[in-house]
Structures are given as C-alpha cells and as structure tokens.
Amino acid sequence: MSALRFSIPSLSRIPQAVGVFTQSRMVIPDLIPGTTYTLQARAIGGSTGYSDWSDPVSHMSM
C-alpha cells in the first residue's frame, strides 16, 4: 500500500493528504485543468508504519 499527498503552490505550501491506494495508478478527482500540483508518495507498512515521503514531483493536470 502507498499514501499520496499533493499541494497547489499558489494556494498552500502545506500538502493535503489524498488517500491510501493499493494499485499502481490512482485517479484524483476534482483537479482543476491547467493547474500545477506537487505530488509525493510513501509506502505504508514495515516496522515504522510508513516510509519517508518521496521527493516532490510537479505535474500540470489536463
């Protein structure tokens, strides 16, 4: 399992949790076309419960 969070730099620098997913693909509803979102993911499980968040990646929604 993995967790995903994202932020919109123009609105907030604090990432908002999107949810937990078990597939290699996840659809995030209600994104605004032409808006750039910064995404991060992390694994859930193991002895600590969670891995560190990945490096942020920015992507513009379509």
Foldseek 3Di string as FASTA:
>chain_A
DKWKWKDQVVPDPDTDTQGDDDDPDDDRPDDDAQGKMKMWMWDADDPVGIDDIDDIDIDGHD
